[in-house]
Amino acid sequence: MRLPCSLSGWTIAVFGVLAAALGVVGLVVPDALLTVMGFEPVPDGGRADGDHTLVFLTASSMAALNMGVYYVLAALADWKPFFRWTVPFRLLTCAVFTLAVVGGRAPAGFLGVGLWEGLGAVVTGLALRYEKARDEKPHAKQDAASPAS
């Protein structure tokens, strides 16, 4: 079995597995996902005509499943540019979701989704920074040991 080969890859893989799992939950048991996010599920037959909550939940769950798989594949390939690209966009997602709660567009439980994105982005960013600093150290020592030309 192949595993991620870097710390940043592991942060992406964990995020990907969680996103894919939540996507599956949303597709299979949508009310459970609504509850986790702080929304009150509506009993079967209780939705008004024109209520498209389940359509949007299906679409976002499928997107989460796909995104999770993309993240896992990127982690297994140790695709660092992808890891770097995720950081600002996950921070943006954190800001948008947090503002949705603060602005009254989403229940307080939805804040967890934003914080999950933000924390994941910060952890990935720190892992990338650590790896870059670690990878640059041998070059600095080698350059210092080289005779001046």
C-alpha atoms as a PDB file:
ATOM      1  CA  MET A   1       0.000   0.000   0.000  1.00  0.00           C
ATOM      2  CA  ARG A   2       1.329   3.413  -0.953  1.00  0.00           C
ATOM      3  CA  LEU A   3       1.316   6.244   1.602  1.00  0.00           C
ATOM      4  CA  PRO A   4       2.128   9.973   1.377  1.00  0.00           C
ATOM      5  CA  CYS A   5       5.869  10.595   1.489  1.00  0.00           C
ATOM      6  CA  SER A   6       5.944  14.052   3.109  1.00  0.00           C
ATOM      7  CA  LEU A   7       4.434  15.835   6.089  1.00  0.00           C
ATOM      8  CA  SER A   8       2.555  18.217   3.805  1.00  0.00           C
ATOM      9  CA  GLY A   9       1.337  15.223   1.805  1.00  0.00           C
ATOM     10  CA  TRP A  10      -0.073  13.708   4.971  1.00  0.00           C
ATOM     11  CA  THR A  11      -1.976  16.915   5.781  1.00  0.00           C
ATOM     12  CA  ILE A  12      -3.515  16.850   2.307  1.00  0.00           C
ATOM     13  CA  ALA A  13      -4.279  13.127   2.501  1.00  0.00           C
ATOM     14  CA  VAL A  14      -6.051  13.441   5.859  1.00  0.00           C
ATOM     15  CA  PHE A  15      -8.112  16.367   4.575  1.00  0.00           C
ATOM     16  CA  GLY A  16      -8.923  14.403   1.424  1.00  0.00           C
ATOM     17  CA  VAL A  17     -10.030  11.280   3.263  1.00  0.00           C
ATOM     18  CA  LEU A  18     -12.241  13.332   5.595  1.00  0.00           C
ATOM     19  CA  ALA A  19     -13.757  15.301   2.693  1.00  0.00           C
ATOM     20  CA  ALA A  20     -14.462  12.115   0.737  1.00  0.00           C
ATOM     21  CA  ALA A  21     -15.980  10.428   3.793  1.00  0.00           C
ATOM     22  CA  LEU A  22     -18.244  13.393   4.505  1.00  0.00           C
ATOM     23  CA  GLY A  23     -19.212  13.456   0.843  1.00  0.00           C
ATOM     24  CA  VAL A  24     -20.273   9.819   1.058  1.00  0.00           C
ATOM     25  CA  VAL A  25     -22.233  10.535   4.246  1.00  0.00           C
ATOM     26  CA  GLY A  26     -24.013  13.399   2.507  1.00  0.00           C
ATOM     27  CA  LEU A  27     -24.924  11.181  -0.431  1.00  0.00           C
ATOM     28  CA  VAL A  28     -26.037   8.190   1.634  1.00  0.00           C
ATOM     29  CA  VAL A  29     -27.477   9.797   4.808  1.00  0.00           C
ATOM     30  CA  PRO A  30     -28.061  13.495   4.033  1.00  0.00           C
ATOM     31  CA  ASP A  31     -29.862  14.207   7.321  1.00  0.00           C
ATOM     32  CA  ALA A  32     -26.815  13.042   9.279  1.00  0.00           C
ATOM     33  CA  LEU A  33     -24.613  15.516   7.419  1.00  0.00           C
ATOM     34  CA  LEU A  34     -27.133  18.322   7.974  1.00  0.00           C
ATOM     35  CA  THR A  35     -27.113  17.544  11.697  1.00  0.00           C
ATOM     36  CA  VAL A  36     -23.295  17.559  11.863  1.00  0.00           C
ATOM     37  CA  MET A  37     -23.251  21.003  10.226  1.00  0.00           C
ATOM     38  CA  GLY A  38     -25.790  22.399  12.685  1.00  0.00           C
ATOM     39  CA  PHE A  39     -28.855  22.348  10.451  1.00  0.00           C
ATOM     40  CA  GLU A  40     -32.160  20.890  11.595  1.00  0.00           C
ATOM     41  CA  PRO A  41     -33.163  18.048   9.262  1.00  0.00           C
ATOM     42  CA  VAL A  42     -36.707  18.169   7.920  1.00  0.00           C
ATOM     43  CA  PRO A  43     -38.677  14.912   8.293  1.00  0.00           C
ATOM     44  CA  ASP A  44     -39.597  12.973   5.162  1.00  0.00           C
ATOM     45  CA  GLY A  45     -42.588  14.580   3.457  1.00  0.00           C
ATOM     46  CA  GLY A  46     -42.079  17.796   5.429  1.00  0.00           C
ATOM     47  CA  ARG A  47     -40.334  19.771   2.714  1.00  0.00           C
ATOM     48  CA  ALA A  48     -42.291  22.460   0.940  1.00  0.00           C
ATOM     49  CA  ASP A  49     -42.633  22.411  -2.837  1.00  0.00           C
ATOM     50  CA  GLY A  50     -39.629  24.185  -4.285  1.00  0.00           C
ATOM     51  CA  ASP A  51     -37.346  23.281  -1.345  1.00  0.00           C
ATOM     52  CA  HIS A  52     -34.155  22.206  -3.077  1.00  0.00           C
ATOM     53  CA  THR A  53     -32.067  21.608   0.042  1.00  0.00           C
ATOM     54  CA  LEU A  54     -31.454  17.956  -0.829  1.00  0.00           C
ATOM     55  CA  VAL A  55     -30.467  18.841  -4.394  1.00  0.00           C
ATOM     56  CA  PHE A  56     -27.827  21.277  -3.131  1.00  0.00           C
ATOM     57  CA  LEU A  57     -26.706  18.806  -0.476  1.00  0.00           C
ATOM     58  CA  THR A  58     -26.334  16.107  -3.125  1.00  0.00           C
ATOM     59  CA  ALA A  59     -24.317  18.451  -5.352  1.00  0.00           C
ATOM     60  CA  SER A  60     -22.024  19.615  -2.550  1.00  0.00           C
ATOM     61  CA  SER A  61     -21.599  16.067  -1.235  1.00  0.00           C
ATOM     62  CA  MET A  62     -20.594  14.826  -4.677  1.00  0.00           C
ATOM     63  CA  ALA A  63     -18.169  17.743  -4.969  1.00  0.00           C
ATOM     64  CA  ALA A  64     -16.715  16.882  -1.542  1.00  0.00           C
ATOM     65  CA  LEU A  65     -16.290  13.240  -2.563  1.00  0.00           C
ATOM     66  CA  ASN A  66     -14.541  14.212  -5.804  1.00  0.00           C
ATOM     67  CA  MET A  67     -12.396  16.835  -4.098  1.00  0.00           C
ATOM     68  CA  GLY A  68     -11.402  14.345  -1.421  1.00  0.00           C
ATOM     69  CA  VAL A  69     -10.258  11.867  -4.050  1.00  0.00           C
ATOM     70  CA  TYR A  70      -8.287  14.611  -5.859  1.00  0.00           C
ATOM     71  CA  TYR A  71      -6.577  15.536  -2.588  1.00  0.00           C
ATOM     72  CA  VAL A  72      -5.646  11.924  -1.831  1.00  0.00           C
ATOM     73  CA  LEU A  73      -4.260  11.406  -5.344  1.00  0.00           C
ATOM     74  CA  ALA A  74      -2.261  14.647  -5.098  1.00  0.00           C
ATOM     75  CA  ALA A  75      -0.908  13.524  -1.710  1.00  0.00           C
ATOM     76  CA  LEU A  76       0.155  10.154  -3.090  1.00  0.00           C
ATOM     77  CA  ALA A  77       1.928  11.920  -5.979  1.00  0.00           C
ATOM     78  CA  ASP A  78       3.506  14.389  -3.484  1.00  0.00           C
ATOM     79  CA  TRP A  79       2.358  17.200  -5.772  1.00  0.00           C
ATOM     80  CA  LYS A  80       3.659  20.185  -3.785  1.00  0.00           C
ATOM     81  CA  PRO A  81       2.354  22.896  -6.171  1.00  0.00           C
ATOM     82  CA  PHE A  82      -1.162  21.561  -5.567  1.00  0.00           C
ATOM     83  CA  PHE A  83      -0.569  21.626  -1.811  1.00  0.00           C
ATOM     84  CA  ARG A  84       0.526  25.282  -2.041  1.00  0.00           C
ATOM     85  CA  TRP A  85      -2.510  26.220  -4.162  1.00  0.00           C
ATOM     86  CA  THR A  86      -4.902  24.781  -1.588  1.00  0.00           C
ATOM     87  CA  VAL A  87      -3.696  26.981   1.264  1.00  0.00           C
ATOM     88  CA  PRO A  88      -5.063  30.391   0.156  1.00  0.00           C
ATOM     89  CA  PHE A  89      -8.264  28.910  -1.224  1.00  0.00           C
ATOM     90  CA  ARG A  90      -8.958  26.953   1.948  1.00  0.00           C
ATOM     91  CA  LEU A  91      -8.340  30.129   3.946  1.00  0.00           C
ATOM     92  CA  LEU A  92     -10.813  31.915   1.660  1.00  0.00           C
ATOM     93  CA  THR A  93     -13.333  29.129   2.276  1.00  0.00           C
ATOM     94  CA  CYS A  94     -12.773  29.547   6.018  1.00  0.00           C
ATOM     95  CA  ALA A  95     -13.459  33.280   5.748  1.00  0.00           C
ATOM     96  CA  VAL A  96     -16.605  32.859   3.625  1.00  0.00           C
ATOM     97  CA  PHE A  97     -18.071  30.136   5.846  1.00  0.00           C
ATOM     98  CA  THR A  98     -17.233  32.073   9.021  1.00  0.00           C
ATOM     99  CA  LEU A  99     -18.843  35.217   7.599  1.00  0.00           C
ATOM    100  CA  ALA A 100     -21.933  33.170   6.696  1.00  0.00           C
ATOM    101  CA  VAL A 101     -22.326  32.295  10.381  1.00  0.00           C
ATOM    102  CA  VAL A 102     -21.499  35.803  11.620  1.00  0.00           C
ATOM    103  CA  GLY A 103     -23.897  37.323   9.076  1.00  0.00           C
ATOM    104  CA  GLY A 104     -26.741  35.025  10.088  1.00  0.00           C
ATOM    105  CA  ARG A 105     -26.866  33.069   6.804  1.00  0.00           C
ATOM    106  CA  ALA A 106     -25.847  29.802   8.492  1.00  0.00           C
ATOM    107  CA  PRO A 107     -26.258  28.293  11.969  1.00  0.00           C
ATOM    108  CA  ALA A 108     -23.417  28.374  14.484  1.00  0.00           C
ATOM    109  CA  GLY A 109     -22.675  24.674  13.862  1.00  0.00           C
ATOM    110  CA  PHE A 110     -21.574  25.582  10.353  1.00  0.00           C
ATOM    111  CA  LEU A 111     -18.647  27.469  11.883  1.00  0.00           C
ATOM    112  CA  GLY A 112     -16.964  24.088  12.377  1.00  0.00           C
ATOM    113  CA  VAL A 113     -16.784  23.631   8.598  1.00  0.00           C
ATOM    114  CA  GLY A 114     -15.000  26.959   8.210  1.00  0.00           C
ATOM    115  CA  LEU A 115     -12.633  26.270  11.083  1.00  0.00           C
ATOM    116  CA  TRP A 116     -11.847  22.813   9.678  1.00  0.00           C
ATOM    117  CA  GLU A 117     -10.879  24.433   6.363  1.00  0.00           C
ATOM    118  CA  GLY A 118      -8.856  27.165   8.057  1.00  0.00           C
ATOM    119  CA  LEU A 119      -7.025  24.880  10.450  1.00  0.00           C
ATOM    120  CA  GLY A 120      -6.248  22.445   7.629  1.00  0.00           C
ATOM    121  CA  ALA A 121      -4.876  25.284   5.500  1.00  0.00           C
ATOM    122  CA  VAL A 122      -2.659  26.544   8.318  1.00  0.00           C
ATOM    123  CA  VAL A 123      -1.330  23.063   9.104  1.00  0.00           C
ATOM    124  CA  THR A 124      -0.576  22.408   5.418  1.00  0.00           C
ATOM    125  CA  GLY A 125       1.078  25.833   5.084  1.00  0.00           C
ATOM    126  CA  LEU A 126       3.251  25.214   8.138  1.00  0.00           C
ATOM    127  CA  ALA A 127       4.229  21.759   6.880  1.00  0.00           C
ATOM    128  CA  LEU A 128       5.217  23.232   3.506  1.00  0.00           C
ATOM    129  CA  ARG A 129       7.252  25.973   5.218  1.00  0.00           C
ATOM    130  CA  TYR A 130       9.001  23.413   7.440  1.00  0.00           C
ATOM    131  CA  GLU A 131       9.847  21.207   4.439  1.00  0.00           C
ATOM    132  CA  LYS A 132      11.164  24.151   2.444  1.00  0.00           C
ATOM    133  CA  ALA A 133      13.409  25.285   5.313  1.00  0.00           C
ATOM    134  CA  ARG A 134      14.620  21.722   5.870  1.00  0.00           C
ATOM    135  CA  ASP A 135      15.359  21.233   2.161  1.00  0.00           C
ATOM    136  CA  GLU A 136      17.276  24.525   1.904  1.00  0.00           C
ATOM    137  CA  LYS A 137      19.598  23.833   4.882  1.00  0.00           C
ATOM    138  CA  PRO A 138      21.919  21.331   3.154  1.00  0.00           C
ATOM    139  CA  HIS A 139      22.379  23.753   0.256  1.00  0.00           C
ATOM    140  CA  ALA A 140      23.306  26.591   2.601  1.00  0.00           C
ATOM    141  CA  LYS A 141      25.908  24.407   4.363  1.00  0.00           C
ATOM    142  CA  GLN A 142      27.287  23.179   1.056  1.00  0.00           C
ATOM    143  CA  ASP A 143      27.537  26.752  -0.315  1.00  0.00           C
ATOM    144  CA  ALA A 144      29.320  27.927   2.848  1.00  0.00           C
ATOM    145  CA  ALA A 145      31.811  25.054   2.593  1.00  0.00           C
ATOM    146  CA  SER A 146      32.593  25.752  -1.087  1.00  0.00           C
ATOM    147  CA  PRO A 147      35.738  27.795  -1.768  1.00  0.00           C
ATOM    148  CA  ALA A 148      35.096  31.266  -3.158  1.00  0.00           C
ATOM    149  CA  SER A 149      35.680  31.522  -6.867  1.00  0.00           C
END
